[in-house]
Protein backbone atom coordinates (compact mmCIF):
# COMPACT_ATOMS: atom_id res chain seq x y z
CA MET A 1 23.41 14.09 -7.76
CA ARG A 2 20.72 14.30 -4.89
CA LYS A 3 19.29 11.18 -2.39
CA LYS A 4 15.97 11.39 -2.77
CA SER A 5 13.19 11.75 0.60
CA ASN A 6 12.18 8.36 2.23
CA TYR A 7 8.79 10.58 2.16
CA SER A 8 9.12 10.91 -1.84
CA LYS A 9 10.72 6.78 -2.17
CA GLY A 10 7.83 5.40 -0.62
CA ILE A 11 5.19 8.07 -3.58
CA SER A 12 7.28 6.13 -5.58
CA ALA A 13 6.25 2.67 -4.52
CA GLU A 14 2.91 3.54 -4.04
CA ARG A 15 2.52 4.23 -7.71
CA ILE A 16 4.62 1.60 -8.74
CA VAL A 17 2.16 -0.66 -7.28
CA LYS A 18 -1.41 1.48 -8.47
CA LYS A 19 0.19 0.88 -11.54
CA ARG A 20 0.39 -3.01 -12.05
CA LEU A 21 -2.50 -3.75 -9.51
CA GLU A 22 -4.30 -0.83 -12.85
CA LYS A 23 -2.84 -3.70 -15.00
CA LYS A 24 -4.45 -6.58 -13.42
CA GLY A 25 -7.52 -4.69 -13.54
CA TRP A 26 -8.05 -3.70 -10.54
CA LEU A 27 -10.10 -0.43 -9.05
CA VAL A 28 -6.91 1.86 -7.27
CA LYS A 29 -6.84 5.31 -5.19
CA GLN A 30 -4.57 6.64 -3.93
CA SER A 31 -5.60 7.87 -0.17
CA LYS A 32 -4.53 11.44 0.33
CA GLY A 33 -1.64 12.46 1.88
CA SER A 34 -1.17 8.64 2.65
CA ARG A 35 -0.45 10.04 6.62
CA GLY A 36 -3.57 7.39 7.57
CA PRO A 37 -3.43 3.31 8.11
CA TYR A 38 -3.34 2.68 4.34
CA ASP A 39 -1.93 4.41 0.90
CA LEU A 40 -3.95 2.32 -1.69
CA TYR A 41 -7.33 1.88 -1.61
CA ALA A 42 -8.32 -1.23 -4.43
CA LEU A 43 -11.49 -3.25 -5.95
CA LYS A 44 -11.74 -5.79 -8.33
CA GLY A 45 -15.04 -8.17 -8.44
CA GLY A 46 -16.09 -7.15 -4.58
CA ARG A 47 -13.41 -7.78 -3.12
CA LYS A 48 -11.67 -4.80 -1.44
CA PHE A 49 -8.37 -3.90 -0.58
CA LEU A 50 -7.01 -1.85 2.25
CA ILE A 51 -3.19 -1.64 0.84
CA GLN A 52 0.56 -0.32 3.48
CA VAL A 53 2.65 0.36 1.19
CA LYS A 54 6.53 0.33 1.69
CA SER A 55 9.95 0.43 -0.16
CA GLY A 56 13.44 -0.64 0.51
CA LYS A 57 13.81 -2.25 3.89
CA SER A 58 11.56 -0.44 5.00
CA SER A 59 9.27 -3.14 7.46
CA LEU A 60 5.60 -2.67 8.75
CA SER A 61 5.15 -1.53 13.29
CA ARG A 62 3.19 -4.01 15.54
CA LYS A 63 1.27 -0.05 15.35
CA GLU A 64 0.91 0.60 11.54
CA LYS A 65 -0.17 -3.13 11.69
CA ARG A 66 -3.24 -2.42 14.67
CA ARG A 67 -4.44 0.06 12.80
CA LEU A 68 -4.03 -1.05 9.26
CA ARG A 69 -6.74 -3.89 10.35
CA LYS A 70 -8.68 -1.10 12.53
CA ALA A 71 -9.97 0.17 9.17
CA ALA A 72 -9.96 -2.85 6.85
CA ARG A 73 -12.71 -3.87 9.34
CA GLU A 74 -14.52 -0.88 9.88
CA LYS A 75 -14.87 -1.07 5.68
CA GLY A 76 -14.99 -4.83 4.67
CA ALA A 77 -12.31 -4.52 3.06
CA THR A 78 -8.93 -7.57 3.86
CA ALA A 79 -5.40 -5.87 4.86
CA VAL A 80 -2.07 -6.21 2.82
CA PHE A 81 0.79 -5.43 2.94
CA MET A 82 2.77 -4.48 -0.06
CA LYS A 83 6.89 -3.72 -0.87
CA VAL A 84 8.17 -2.40 -3.05
CA LYS A 85 12.77 -3.59 -3.66
CA GLY A 86 13.33 -1.79 -6.73
CA ARG A 87 11.08 -3.00 -9.41
CA LYS A 88 10.27 -6.11 -7.51
CA ILE A 89 7.03 -6.29 -5.71
CA SER A 90 5.69 -8.59 -2.69
CA SER A 91 3.04 -8.68 -0.25
CA LYS A 92 1.37 -10.98 2.50
CA PHE A 93 -1.99 -10.55 3.74
CA VAL A 94 -2.00 -8.69 7.83
């Protein structure tokens, strides 16, 4: 059995978060290529979240946090970091 690449783990984690948010009534768009400061853009009831998703043991670097906060400010959104470990999702505002 081949080991999953970090990229495919990341895409899988993004899909898990996207599905979970959609079940809770959020409109969620995936960022193209996920190379920018955020992976997901979520809207619900006038609230906007820019979400960076990480899987496993990964975490946000200081540079990633700064870029995410800046993008969120520019879009009038809230910056959120979500971590997926197995099926467990944790989140925190950045």
